[in-house]
Amino acid sequence: MFCYNEAREVSGPLEDLLKLGQSNWETEVLKAELPVLIDFWAPWCGPCKMIAPIVQELAQEYDGRLKVAKLNVDENPGLTGQYGVLSIPTLLLFKGGRLAARLTGYRPKKEVKQKIEALL
């Protein structure tokens, strides 16, 4: 994985988001009624910390129209590999249980919103 290595933990609003893993992936993503935005991240990743507030803002702005979740790549190597996540942060958008869009690396909020709006 390529990402700036930093030993601090992510804290704050991102902790409020749904945490995904192998145990709830099918229910929360593949069978979700709403489109799903997933933030693939790691606590040591600097750019992940930069995009975290944007992800949190999007969760609030699209509440009821979009499910927003996070997936720790260190804790979920199977899902990370299954979806070809090689760099973080990576944002994946699912609709109807299928991968619909991918954004890799830090992206401005406007760009992420354009991808979301295209799915809604």
N, C-alpha and C. Protein backbone atom coordinates (compact mmCIF):
# COMPACT_ATOMS: atom_id res chain seq x y z
N MET A 1 0.83 -1.19 0.00
CA MET A 1 0.00 0.00 0.00
C MET A 1 0.87 1.24 0.00
N PHE A 2 0.51 2.19 -0.78
CA PHE A 2 1.21 3.48 -0.76
C PHE A 2 0.40 4.45 0.07
N CYS A 3 1.01 5.00 1.05
CA CYS A 3 0.38 6.04 1.84
C CYS A 3 1.42 6.61 2.77
N TYR A 4 1.30 7.87 3.08
CA TYR A 4 2.21 8.51 4.00
C TYR A 4 2.11 7.81 5.35
N ASN A 5 3.22 7.39 5.89
CA ASN A 5 3.23 6.63 7.15
C ASN A 5 3.32 7.57 8.34
N GLU A 6 2.33 7.49 9.18
CA GLU A 6 2.29 8.30 10.38
C GLU A 6 1.65 7.46 11.47
N ALA A 7 2.17 7.50 12.66
CA ALA A 7 1.76 6.58 13.72
C ALA A 7 0.61 7.08 14.58
N ARG A 8 -0.09 8.12 14.18
CA ARG A 8 -1.21 8.61 14.99
C ARG A 8 -2.50 7.91 14.59
N GLU A 9 -3.41 7.85 15.51
CA GLU A 9 -4.72 7.25 15.27
C GLU A 9 -5.69 8.28 14.69
N VAL A 10 -6.59 7.80 13.84
CA VAL A 10 -7.66 8.67 13.35
C VAL A 10 -8.68 8.76 14.48
N SER A 11 -9.08 9.96 14.79
CA SER A 11 -10.09 10.13 15.83
C SER A 11 -11.04 11.23 15.40
N GLY A 12 -12.11 11.36 16.12
CA GLY A 12 -13.07 12.41 15.80
C GLY A 12 -14.24 11.87 15.02
N PRO A 13 -14.81 12.70 14.13
CA PRO A 13 -16.07 12.36 13.46
C PRO A 13 -16.04 11.06 12.67
N LEU A 14 -14.88 10.70 12.09
CA LEU A 14 -14.83 9.48 11.29
C LEU A 14 -15.23 8.26 12.11
N GLU A 15 -14.97 8.31 13.41
CA GLU A 15 -15.31 7.18 14.28
C GLU A 15 -16.82 6.95 14.34
N ASP A 16 -17.62 7.94 13.99
CA ASP A 16 -19.07 7.81 14.04
C ASP A 16 -19.63 7.03 12.85
N LEU A 17 -18.85 6.84 11.81
CA LEU A 17 -19.32 6.17 10.62
C LEU A 17 -19.39 4.66 10.82
N LEU A 18 -20.23 4.01 10.03
CA LEU A 18 -20.37 2.56 10.04
C LEU A 18 -19.02 1.92 9.71
N LYS A 19 -18.60 0.97 10.52
CA LYS A 19 -17.35 0.25 10.29
C LYS A 19 -17.68 -1.05 9.56
N LEU A 20 -17.03 -1.25 8.42
CA LEU A 20 -17.27 -2.45 7.63
C LEU A 20 -16.17 -3.48 7.84
N GLY A 21 -16.54 -4.72 7.63
CA GLY A 21 -15.62 -5.84 7.66
C GLY A 21 -16.26 -7.01 6.94
N GLN A 22 -15.58 -8.12 6.93
CA GLN A 22 -16.09 -9.31 6.25
C GLN A 22 -17.46 -9.73 6.80
N SER A 23 -17.65 -9.57 8.12
CA SER A 23 -18.87 -10.05 8.76
C SER A 23 -20.13 -9.28 8.36
N ASN A 24 -19.99 -7.98 8.02
CA ASN A 24 -21.19 -7.21 7.68
C ASN A 24 -21.17 -6.67 6.24
N TRP A 25 -20.20 -7.05 5.44
CA TRP A 25 -20.06 -6.54 4.08
C TRP A 25 -21.30 -6.86 3.22
N GLU A 26 -21.73 -8.10 3.24
CA GLU A 26 -22.86 -8.49 2.39
C GLU A 26 -24.13 -7.72 2.77
N THR A 27 -24.43 -7.66 4.05
CA THR A 27 -25.64 -6.97 4.51
C THR A 27 -25.58 -5.47 4.26
N GLU A 28 -24.47 -4.85 4.63
CA GLU A 28 -24.37 -3.39 4.60
C GLU A 28 -24.03 -2.81 3.23
N VAL A 29 -23.41 -3.61 2.36
CA VAL A 29 -22.98 -3.10 1.05
C VAL A 29 -23.71 -3.80 -0.09
N LEU A 30 -23.56 -5.10 -0.19
CA LEU A 30 -24.11 -5.83 -1.34
C LEU A 30 -25.63 -5.88 -1.35
N LYS A 31 -26.26 -5.86 -0.18
CA LYS A 31 -27.72 -5.91 -0.09
C LYS A 31 -28.33 -4.57 0.33
N ALA A 32 -27.54 -3.52 0.34
CA ALA A 32 -28.03 -2.21 0.77
C ALA A 32 -29.05 -1.65 -0.22
N GLU A 33 -30.08 -1.04 0.33
CA GLU A 33 -31.08 -0.40 -0.52
C GLU A 33 -30.58 0.93 -1.07
N LEU A 34 -29.79 1.63 -0.29
CA LEU A 34 -29.23 2.91 -0.71
C LEU A 34 -27.86 2.69 -1.36
N PRO A 35 -27.42 3.62 -2.19
CA PRO A 35 -26.02 3.58 -2.63
C PRO A 35 -25.11 3.68 -1.42
N VAL A 36 -23.90 3.14 -1.52
CA VAL A 36 -22.96 3.10 -0.40
C VAL A 36 -21.63 3.70 -0.82
N LEU A 37 -21.13 4.63 -0.02
CA LEU A 37 -19.79 5.20 -0.19
C LEU A 37 -18.91 4.58 0.89
N ILE A 38 -17.81 3.94 0.47
CA ILE A 38 -16.92 3.28 1.42
C ILE A 38 -15.54 3.93 1.35
N ASP A 39 -15.05 4.33 2.49
CA ASP A 39 -13.72 4.91 2.63
C ASP A 39 -12.76 3.81 3.08
N PHE A 40 -11.89 3.35 2.16
CA PHE A 40 -10.84 2.40 2.51
C PHE A 40 -9.68 3.21 3.07
N TRP A 41 -9.30 2.95 4.31
CA TRP A 41 -8.34 3.80 5.02
C TRP A 41 -7.48 2.97 5.97
N ALA A 42 -6.52 3.63 6.60
CA ALA A 42 -5.71 3.04 7.68
C ALA A 42 -5.35 4.15 8.66
N PRO A 43 -5.19 3.82 9.94
CA PRO A 43 -4.92 4.86 10.94
C PRO A 43 -3.57 5.55 10.77
N TRP A 44 -2.64 4.96 10.06
CA TRP A 44 -1.31 5.53 9.86
C TRP A 44 -1.21 6.38 8.59
N CYS A 45 -2.28 6.51 7.86
CA CYS A 45 -2.28 7.15 6.54
C CYS A 45 -2.60 8.64 6.63
N GLY A 46 -1.65 9.49 6.30
CA GLY A 46 -1.84 10.94 6.32
C GLY A 46 -2.95 11.43 5.41
N PRO A 47 -2.94 11.06 4.11
CA PRO A 47 -4.01 11.50 3.22
C PRO A 47 -5.40 10.99 3.65
N CYS A 48 -5.43 9.84 4.33
CA CYS A 48 -6.71 9.33 4.85
C CYS A 48 -7.26 10.30 5.89
N LYS A 49 -6.38 10.86 6.70
CA LYS A 49 -6.79 11.83 7.70
C LYS A 49 -7.28 13.12 7.05
N MET A 50 -6.70 13.45 5.91
CA MET A 50 -7.11 14.66 5.20
C MET A 50 -8.50 14.53 4.60
N ILE A 51 -8.84 13.34 4.11
CA ILE A 51 -10.14 13.15 3.45
C ILE A 51 -11.24 12.80 4.46
N ALA A 52 -10.86 12.37 5.66
CA ALA A 52 -11.85 11.96 6.67
C ALA A 52 -12.92 13.02 6.94
N PRO A 53 -12.57 14.30 7.12
CA PRO A 53 -13.62 15.30 7.36
C PRO A 53 -14.58 15.45 6.17
N ILE A 54 -14.06 15.27 4.97
CA ILE A 54 -14.91 15.35 3.78
C ILE A 54 -15.91 14.20 3.79
N VAL A 55 -15.43 13.01 4.10
CA VAL A 55 -16.30 11.84 4.15
C VAL A 55 -17.39 12.04 5.20
N GLN A 56 -17.02 12.58 6.34
CA GLN A 56 -17.99 12.84 7.40
C GLN A 56 -19.04 13.87 6.95
N GLU A 57 -18.60 14.93 6.30
CA GLU A 57 -19.53 15.95 5.80
C GLU A 57 -20.49 15.35 4.79
N LEU A 58 -19.99 14.50 3.92
CA LEU A 58 -20.85 13.86 2.92
C LEU A 58 -21.88 12.95 3.58
N ALA A 59 -21.48 12.27 4.65
CA ALA A 59 -22.42 11.42 5.38
C ALA A 59 -23.58 12.25 5.92
N GLN A 60 -23.28 13.43 6.41
CA GLN A 60 -24.32 14.31 6.94
C GLN A 60 -25.16 14.90 5.83
N GLU A 61 -24.54 15.36 4.75
CA GLU A 61 -25.26 15.99 3.65
C GLU A 61 -26.19 15.03 2.91
N TYR A 62 -25.77 13.77 2.81
CA TYR A 62 -26.56 12.79 2.05
C TYR A 62 -27.31 11.81 2.96
N ASP A 63 -27.47 12.17 4.22
CA ASP A 63 -28.17 11.32 5.17
C ASP A 63 -29.55 10.95 4.63
N GLY A 64 -29.84 9.66 4.62
CA GLY A 64 -31.13 9.18 4.12
C GLY A 64 -31.12 8.87 2.63
N ARG A 65 -30.07 9.33 1.93
CA ARG A 65 -29.98 9.06 0.48
C ARG A 65 -28.75 8.25 0.12
N LEU A 66 -27.78 8.19 1.05
CA LEU A 66 -26.51 7.51 0.80
C LEU A 66 -26.00 6.95 2.13
N LYS A 67 -25.57 5.70 2.12
CA LYS A 67 -24.94 5.11 3.29
C LYS A 67 -23.44 5.36 3.16
N VAL A 68 -22.82 5.84 4.23
CA VAL A 68 -21.39 6.12 4.22
C VAL A 68 -20.73 5.27 5.29
N ALA A 69 -19.64 4.59 4.90
CA ALA A 69 -18.97 3.67 5.82
C ALA A 69 -17.46 3.74 5.61
N LYS A 70 -16.73 3.12 6.54
CA LYS A 70 -15.28 3.05 6.40
C LYS A 70 -14.83 1.61 6.58
N LEU A 71 -13.69 1.30 5.96
CA LEU A 71 -13.12 -0.04 6.05
C LEU A 71 -11.62 0.10 6.28
N ASN A 72 -11.15 -0.41 7.40
CA ASN A 72 -9.74 -0.36 7.74
C ASN A 72 -9.03 -1.45 6.93
N VAL A 73 -8.11 -1.04 6.04
CA VAL A 73 -7.45 -1.99 5.15
C VAL A 73 -6.54 -2.95 5.90
N ASP A 74 -5.96 -2.52 7.01
CA ASP A 74 -5.09 -3.38 7.80
C ASP A 74 -5.88 -4.52 8.44
N GLU A 75 -7.12 -4.25 8.81
CA GLU A 75 -7.96 -5.25 9.47
C GLU A 75 -8.75 -6.10 8.47
N ASN A 76 -8.78 -5.70 7.20
CA ASN A 76 -9.60 -6.38 6.20
C ASN A 76 -8.85 -6.59 4.89
N PRO A 77 -7.74 -7.36 4.92
CA PRO A 77 -6.96 -7.54 3.69
C PRO A 77 -7.71 -8.31 2.60
N GLY A 78 -8.64 -9.17 2.98
CA GLY A 78 -9.40 -9.92 1.99
C GLY A 78 -10.26 -9.02 1.12
N LEU A 79 -11.05 -8.16 1.75
CA LEU A 79 -11.90 -7.24 0.99
C LEU A 79 -11.07 -6.22 0.24
N THR A 80 -9.97 -5.78 0.84
CA THR A 80 -9.08 -4.82 0.19
C THR A 80 -8.55 -5.42 -1.10
N GLY A 81 -8.10 -6.66 -1.06
CA GLY A 81 -7.58 -7.33 -2.25
C GLY A 81 -8.67 -7.66 -3.25
N GLN A 82 -9.82 -8.08 -2.76
CA GLN A 82 -10.93 -8.45 -3.63
C GLN A 82 -11.35 -7.30 -4.53
N TYR A 83 -11.29 -6.08 -4.01
CA TYR A 83 -11.71 -4.92 -4.78
C TYR A 83 -10.54 -4.12 -5.35
N GLY A 84 -9.35 -4.71 -5.33
CA GLY A 84 -8.20 -4.13 -5.99
C GLY A 84 -7.75 -2.79 -5.41
N VAL A 85 -7.91 -2.62 -4.11
CA VAL A 85 -7.48 -1.38 -3.47
C VAL A 85 -5.98 -1.50 -3.19
N LEU A 86 -5.18 -0.76 -3.95
CA LEU A 86 -3.73 -0.82 -3.84
C LEU A 86 -3.14 0.41 -3.18
N SER A 87 -3.89 1.51 -3.18
CA SER A 87 -3.46 2.76 -2.55
C SER A 87 -4.60 3.28 -1.71
N ILE A 88 -4.25 3.97 -0.64
CA ILE A 88 -5.28 4.57 0.19
C ILE A 88 -4.98 6.04 0.40
N PRO A 89 -5.98 6.86 0.60
CA PRO A 89 -7.39 6.48 0.67
C PRO A 89 -7.95 6.12 -0.71
N THR A 90 -8.88 5.19 -0.70
CA THR A 90 -9.67 4.87 -1.89
C THR A 90 -11.13 4.91 -1.47
N LEU A 91 -11.93 5.61 -2.25
CA LEU A 91 -13.37 5.66 -2.02
C LEU A 91 -14.04 4.82 -3.10
N LEU A 92 -14.86 3.86 -2.68
CA LEU A 92 -15.64 3.05 -3.60
C LEU A 92 -17.10 3.38 -3.41
N LEU A 93 -17.81 3.51 -4.52
CA LEU A 93 -19.25 3.74 -4.51
C LEU A 93 -19.95 2.51 -5.07
N PHE A 94 -20.89 1.98 -4.30
CA PHE A 94 -21.67 0.83 -4.73
C PHE A 94 -23.12 1.26 -4.91
N LYS A 95 -23.75 0.67 -5.91
CA LYS A 95 -25.19 0.88 -6.11
C LYS A 95 -25.77 -0.45 -6.57
N GLY A 96 -26.83 -0.86 -5.89
CA GLY A 96 -27.45 -2.14 -6.22
C GLY A 96 -26.52 -3.32 -6.03
N GLY A 97 -25.61 -3.21 -5.07
CA GLY A 97 -24.68 -4.30 -4.77
C GLY A 97 -23.50 -4.40 -5.71
N ARG A 98 -23.38 -3.45 -6.62
CA ARG A 98 -22.28 -3.48 -7.60
C ARG A 98 -21.40 -2.25 -7.48
N LEU A 99 -20.12 -2.44 -7.72
CA LEU A 99 -19.19 -1.33 -7.72
C LEU A 99 -19.53 -0.40 -8.88
N ALA A 100 -19.78 0.86 -8.58
CA ALA A 100 -20.21 1.82 -9.59
C ALA A 100 -19.17 2.90 -9.87
N ALA A 101 -18.30 3.20 -8.89
CA ALA A 101 -17.29 4.25 -9.09
C ALA A 101 -16.16 4.06 -8.08
N ARG A 102 -14.99 4.58 -8.45
CA ARG A 102 -13.80 4.49 -7.61
C ARG A 102 -13.03 5.79 -7.70
N LEU A 103 -12.61 6.28 -6.54
CA LEU A 103 -11.74 7.46 -6.45
C LEU A 103 -10.54 7.07 -5.59
N THR A 104 -9.35 7.19 -6.13
CA THR A 104 -8.14 6.80 -5.40
C THR A 104 -7.33 8.04 -5.05
N GLY A 105 -6.86 8.09 -3.82
CA GLY A 105 -6.09 9.23 -3.34
C GLY A 105 -7.00 10.33 -2.83
N TYR A 106 -6.38 11.33 -2.27
CA TYR A 106 -7.16 12.47 -1.77
C TYR A 106 -7.87 13.15 -2.94
N ARG A 107 -9.14 13.44 -2.77
CA ARG A 107 -9.93 14.13 -3.79
C ARG A 107 -10.71 15.25 -3.12
N PRO A 108 -10.85 16.38 -3.81
CA PRO A 108 -11.66 17.46 -3.23
C PRO A 108 -13.13 17.05 -3.12
N LYS A 109 -13.80 17.65 -2.17
CA LYS A 109 -15.20 17.33 -1.91
C LYS A 109 -16.06 17.46 -3.17
N LYS A 110 -15.81 18.48 -3.96
CA LYS A 110 -16.60 18.71 -5.18
C LYS A 110 -16.52 17.50 -6.12
N GLU A 111 -15.35 16.93 -6.27
CA GLU A 111 -15.18 15.78 -7.15
C GLU A 111 -15.91 14.55 -6.62
N VAL A 112 -15.85 14.34 -5.32
CA VAL A 112 -16.55 13.20 -4.72
C VAL A 112 -18.06 13.39 -4.87
N LYS A 113 -18.53 14.60 -4.65
CA LYS A 113 -19.97 14.88 -4.79
C LYS A 113 -20.45 14.63 -6.22
N GLN A 114 -19.64 14.94 -7.21
CA GLN A 114 -20.03 14.69 -8.60
C GLN A 114 -20.27 13.20 -8.84
N LYS A 115 -19.40 12.36 -8.29
CA LYS A 115 -19.57 10.91 -8.43
C LYS A 115 -20.85 10.45 -7.72
N ILE A 116 -21.08 10.99 -6.53
CA ILE A 116 -22.27 10.61 -5.77
C ILE A 116 -23.53 11.04 -6.51
N GLU A 117 -23.56 12.28 -6.97
CA GLU A 117 -24.74 12.80 -7.67
C GLU A 117 -25.06 11.97 -8.91
N ALA A 118 -24.05 11.46 -9.58
CA ALA A 118 -24.27 10.64 -10.77
C ALA A 118 -24.99 9.34 -10.43
N LEU A 119 -24.87 8.89 -9.19
CA LEU A 119 -25.53 7.63 -8.78
C LEU A 119 -26.92 7.84 -8.19
N LEU A 120 -27.20 9.01 -7.69
CA LEU A 120 -28.49 9.24 -7.02
C LEU A 120 -29.61 9.51 -8.01
